Amino acid sequence: MTVLLFGVTKDIIGSSSLSIPSKSVTGKNAPSTVKELRDFLSNLYPDLGNLSSLAIAVNNAYAEDEQPLNTYDEIALIPPVSGG
């Protein structure tokens, strides 16, 4: 599973994308819902939890926490945006 990163999420993780294997070395499966992905990433990168908001898009559409994830979905983390 590949997650595309933008803005401050890119700075926190240190890359423009993140690859999550379908199974970890401990035998745990990859996140299967948006909520599981959010929790997984917050555990790995606690600074993501400090963001005022963090949207997740799946296949170019904003996703709710209950949405299932598939290995070949295009996933993007969309951090808060400010402008002026």
N, C-alpha and C. Protein backbone atom coordinates (compact mmCIF):
# COMPACT_ATOMS: atom_id res chain seq x y z
N MET A 1 0.86 -1.16 0.00
CA MET A 1 0.00 0.00 0.00
C MET A 1 0.91 1.23 0.00
N THR A 2 0.65 2.15 -0.90
CA THR A 2 1.43 3.38 -0.99
C THR A 2 0.56 4.56 -0.57
N VAL A 3 1.12 5.39 0.29
CA VAL A 3 0.43 6.58 0.78
C VAL A 3 1.20 7.79 0.28
N LEU A 4 0.52 8.70 -0.42
CA LEU A 4 1.13 9.93 -0.90
C LEU A 4 1.02 10.99 0.19
N LEU A 5 2.07 11.78 0.35
CA LEU A 5 2.15 12.76 1.43
C LEU A 5 2.34 14.16 0.86
N PHE A 6 1.68 15.12 1.51
CA PHE A 6 1.74 16.50 1.06
C PHE A 6 1.95 17.42 2.25
N GLY A 7 2.49 18.61 1.98
CA GLY A 7 2.65 19.63 3.01
C GLY A 7 3.39 19.15 4.23
N VAL A 8 2.83 19.44 5.40
CA VAL A 8 3.49 19.12 6.66
C VAL A 8 3.59 17.61 6.88
N THR A 9 2.68 16.81 6.31
CA THR A 9 2.81 15.36 6.47
C THR A 9 4.08 14.86 5.79
N LYS A 10 4.42 15.46 4.68
CA LYS A 10 5.66 15.13 3.99
C LYS A 10 6.86 15.49 4.86
N ASP A 11 6.79 16.64 5.54
CA ASP A 11 7.88 17.07 6.43
C ASP A 11 8.00 16.13 7.63
N ILE A 12 6.89 15.73 8.22
CA ILE A 12 6.91 14.87 9.41
C ILE A 12 7.51 13.50 9.08
N ILE A 13 7.09 12.94 7.95
CA ILE A 13 7.54 11.59 7.59
C ILE A 13 8.88 11.62 6.86
N GLY A 14 9.20 12.74 6.22
CA GLY A 14 10.50 12.87 5.56
C GLY A 14 10.55 12.29 4.17
N SER A 15 9.40 12.17 3.53
CA SER A 15 9.35 11.61 2.19
C SER A 15 8.04 12.04 1.54
N SER A 16 7.95 11.94 0.23
CA SER A 16 6.72 12.30 -0.47
C SER A 16 5.76 11.12 -0.58
N SER A 17 6.23 9.94 -0.20
CA SER A 17 5.35 8.77 -0.18
C SER A 17 5.85 7.78 0.86
N LEU A 18 4.96 6.91 1.26
CA LEU A 18 5.26 5.92 2.28
C LEU A 18 4.68 4.60 1.82
N SER A 19 5.47 3.55 1.86
CA SER A 19 5.00 2.23 1.46
C SER A 19 4.72 1.40 2.71
N ILE A 20 3.52 0.83 2.76
CA ILE A 20 3.13 -0.01 3.89
C ILE A 20 2.96 -1.43 3.36
N PRO A 21 3.79 -2.36 3.83
CA PRO A 21 3.70 -3.73 3.32
C PRO A 21 2.37 -4.38 3.71
N SER A 22 1.95 -5.36 2.92
CA SER A 22 0.68 -6.04 3.20
C SER A 22 0.75 -6.82 4.51
N LYS A 23 1.94 -7.26 4.89
CA LYS A 23 2.15 -7.89 6.19
C LYS A 23 3.47 -7.38 6.75
N SER A 24 3.46 -7.09 8.03
CA SER A 24 4.70 -6.63 8.67
C SER A 24 5.53 -7.84 9.08
N VAL A 25 6.74 -7.58 9.52
CA VAL A 25 7.62 -8.67 9.96
C VAL A 25 7.04 -9.40 11.17
N THR A 26 6.14 -8.76 11.90
CA THR A 26 5.51 -9.41 13.05
C THR A 26 4.30 -10.24 12.63
N GLY A 27 3.97 -10.22 11.34
CA GLY A 27 2.85 -11.00 10.85
C GLY A 27 1.52 -10.26 10.86
N LYS A 28 1.52 -9.00 11.33
CA LYS A 28 0.28 -8.22 11.34
C LYS A 28 -0.06 -7.78 9.93
N ASN A 29 -1.36 -7.79 9.62
CA ASN A 29 -1.81 -7.34 8.31
C ASN A 29 -1.75 -5.81 8.22
N ALA A 30 -1.68 -5.32 7.01
CA ALA A 30 -1.73 -3.87 6.77
C ALA A 30 -3.10 -3.35 7.19
N PRO A 31 -3.21 -2.05 7.46
CA PRO A 31 -4.50 -1.47 7.82
C PRO A 31 -5.55 -1.78 6.75
N SER A 32 -6.76 -2.12 7.19
CA SER A 32 -7.80 -2.49 6.22
C SER A 32 -8.91 -1.44 6.12
N THR A 33 -8.86 -0.41 6.98
CA THR A 33 -9.82 0.70 6.89
C THR A 33 -9.05 2.01 7.05
N VAL A 34 -9.70 3.10 6.71
CA VAL A 34 -9.08 4.42 6.87
C VAL A 34 -8.74 4.66 8.35
N LYS A 35 -9.63 4.28 9.26
CA LYS A 35 -9.38 4.44 10.69
C LYS A 35 -8.16 3.66 11.14
N GLU A 36 -8.03 2.42 10.69
CA GLU A 36 -6.85 1.62 11.03
C GLU A 36 -5.58 2.26 10.47
N LEU A 37 -5.66 2.81 9.27
CA LEU A 37 -4.50 3.49 8.68
C LEU A 37 -4.14 4.72 9.51
N ARG A 38 -5.14 5.50 9.90
CA ARG A 38 -4.90 6.70 10.71
C ARG A 38 -4.20 6.32 12.03
N ASP A 39 -4.70 5.26 12.70
CA ASP A 39 -4.11 4.80 13.95
C ASP A 39 -2.70 4.27 13.73
N PHE A 40 -2.51 3.50 12.67
CA PHE A 40 -1.20 2.93 12.34
C PHE A 40 -0.17 4.04 12.14
N LEU A 41 -0.52 5.05 11.36
CA LEU A 41 0.41 6.14 11.08
C LEU A 41 0.67 7.00 12.33
N SER A 42 -0.35 7.20 13.15
CA SER A 42 -0.17 7.98 14.38
C SER A 42 0.76 7.27 15.36
N ASN A 43 0.72 5.94 15.37
CA ASN A 43 1.64 5.19 16.23
C ASN A 43 3.08 5.29 15.73
N LEU A 44 3.25 5.23 14.42
CA LEU A 44 4.60 5.34 13.84
C LEU A 44 5.15 6.76 13.87
N TYR A 45 4.28 7.73 13.66
CA TYR A 45 4.66 9.14 13.55
C TYR A 45 3.76 9.97 14.47
N PRO A 46 4.07 10.01 15.77
CA PRO A 46 3.20 10.71 16.74
C PRO A 46 2.92 12.17 16.39
N ASP A 47 3.82 12.84 15.67
CA ASP A 47 3.58 14.24 15.31
C ASP A 47 2.37 14.40 14.39
N LEU A 48 1.98 13.35 13.69
CA LEU A 48 0.77 13.44 12.87
C LEU A 48 -0.45 13.69 13.74
N GLY A 49 -0.43 13.17 14.96
CA GLY A 49 -1.54 13.37 15.88
C GLY A 49 -1.67 14.79 16.39
N ASN A 50 -0.62 15.59 16.24
CA ASN A 50 -0.64 16.98 16.68
C ASN A 50 -1.27 17.92 15.66
N LEU A 51 -1.58 17.42 14.47
CA LEU A 51 -2.17 18.28 13.44
C LEU A 51 -3.61 18.60 13.81
N SER A 52 -4.04 19.82 13.50
CA SER A 52 -5.41 20.23 13.83
C SER A 52 -6.45 19.43 13.06
N SER A 53 -6.09 18.96 11.89
CA SER A 53 -6.95 18.08 11.11
C SER A 53 -6.08 17.33 10.12
N LEU A 54 -6.56 16.19 9.71
CA LEU A 54 -5.83 15.40 8.72
C LEU A 54 -6.85 14.61 7.92
N ALA A 55 -7.04 15.01 6.68
CA ALA A 55 -7.97 14.30 5.81
C ALA A 55 -7.23 13.19 5.09
N ILE A 56 -7.96 12.14 4.78
CA ILE A 56 -7.39 11.04 4.00
C ILE A 56 -8.27 10.85 2.77
N ALA A 57 -7.63 10.83 1.62
CA ALA A 57 -8.34 10.61 0.36
C ALA A 57 -7.99 9.22 -0.16
N VAL A 58 -8.98 8.54 -0.67
CA VAL A 58 -8.79 7.22 -1.29
C VAL A 58 -9.34 7.32 -2.70
N ASN A 59 -8.48 7.06 -3.66
CA ASN A 59 -8.87 7.12 -5.07
C ASN A 59 -9.50 8.47 -5.42
N ASN A 60 -8.83 9.53 -5.00
CA ASN A 60 -9.18 10.91 -5.32
C ASN A 60 -10.48 11.41 -4.70
N ALA A 61 -10.94 10.77 -3.64
CA ALA A 61 -12.14 11.22 -2.94
C ALA A 61 -11.89 11.17 -1.43
N TYR A 62 -12.35 12.19 -0.73
CA TYR A 62 -12.22 12.18 0.72
C TYR A 62 -12.90 10.94 1.28
N ALA A 63 -12.25 10.31 2.27
CA ALA A 63 -12.75 9.05 2.81
C ALA A 63 -13.11 9.18 4.28
N GLU A 64 -14.16 8.50 4.68
CA GLU A 64 -14.55 8.41 6.08
C GLU A 64 -13.76 7.28 6.73
N ASP A 65 -13.69 7.30 8.06
CA ASP A 65 -12.91 6.31 8.80
C ASP A 65 -13.33 4.86 8.51
N GLU A 66 -14.59 4.62 8.20
CA GLU A 66 -15.09 3.26 8.01
C GLU A 66 -14.77 2.70 6.62
N GLN A 67 -14.28 3.54 5.72
CA GLN A 67 -14.06 3.07 4.34
C GLN A 67 -12.98 1.99 4.31
N PRO A 68 -13.27 0.87 3.64
CA PRO A 68 -12.25 -0.18 3.51
C PRO A 68 -11.13 0.25 2.56
N LEU A 69 -9.96 -0.30 2.80
CA LEU A 69 -8.80 -0.04 1.95
C LEU A 69 -8.38 -1.31 1.24
N ASN A 70 -7.94 -1.16 -0.01
CA ASN A 70 -7.40 -2.26 -0.79
C ASN A 70 -5.95 -1.98 -1.11
N THR A 71 -5.21 -3.00 -1.40
CA THR A 71 -3.77 -2.88 -1.65
C THR A 71 -3.44 -1.87 -2.74
N TYR A 72 -4.28 -1.80 -3.77
CA TYR A 72 -3.95 -0.95 -4.92
C TYR A 72 -4.68 0.38 -4.95
N ASP A 73 -5.32 0.76 -3.84
CA ASP A 73 -5.95 2.07 -3.76
C ASP A 73 -4.88 3.17 -3.77
N GLU A 74 -5.24 4.31 -4.34
CA GLU A 74 -4.38 5.49 -4.25
C GLU A 74 -4.81 6.25 -3.00
N ILE A 75 -3.90 6.35 -2.05
CA ILE A 75 -4.21 6.96 -0.75
C ILE A 75 -3.35 8.21 -0.59
N ALA A 76 -3.96 9.27 -0.10
CA ALA A 76 -3.22 10.52 0.12
C ALA A 76 -3.58 11.10 1.48
N LEU A 77 -2.58 11.59 2.20
CA LEU A 77 -2.79 12.33 3.44
C LEU A 77 -2.85 13.79 3.08
N ILE A 78 -3.92 14.45 3.50
CA ILE A 78 -4.11 15.86 3.17
C ILE A 78 -4.13 16.65 4.48
N PRO A 79 -3.04 17.39 4.75
CA PRO A 79 -2.94 18.13 6.00
C PRO A 79 -3.79 19.39 5.96
N PRO A 80 -3.94 20.05 7.11
CA PRO A 80 -4.67 21.32 7.12
C PRO A 80 -3.98 22.31 6.18
N VAL A 81 -4.79 23.12 5.54
CA VAL A 81 -4.28 24.11 4.60
C VAL A 81 -4.73 25.49 5.05
N SER A 82 -3.81 26.43 5.03
CA SER A 82 -4.19 27.81 5.32
C SER A 82 -3.75 28.68 4.16
N GLY A 83 -4.40 29.76 4.01
CA GLY A 83 -4.05 30.65 2.90
C GLY A 83 -4.36 32.09 3.25
N GLY A 84 -4.02 32.91 2.35
CA GLY A 84 -4.29 34.31 2.65
C GLY A 84 -4.15 35.17 1.45
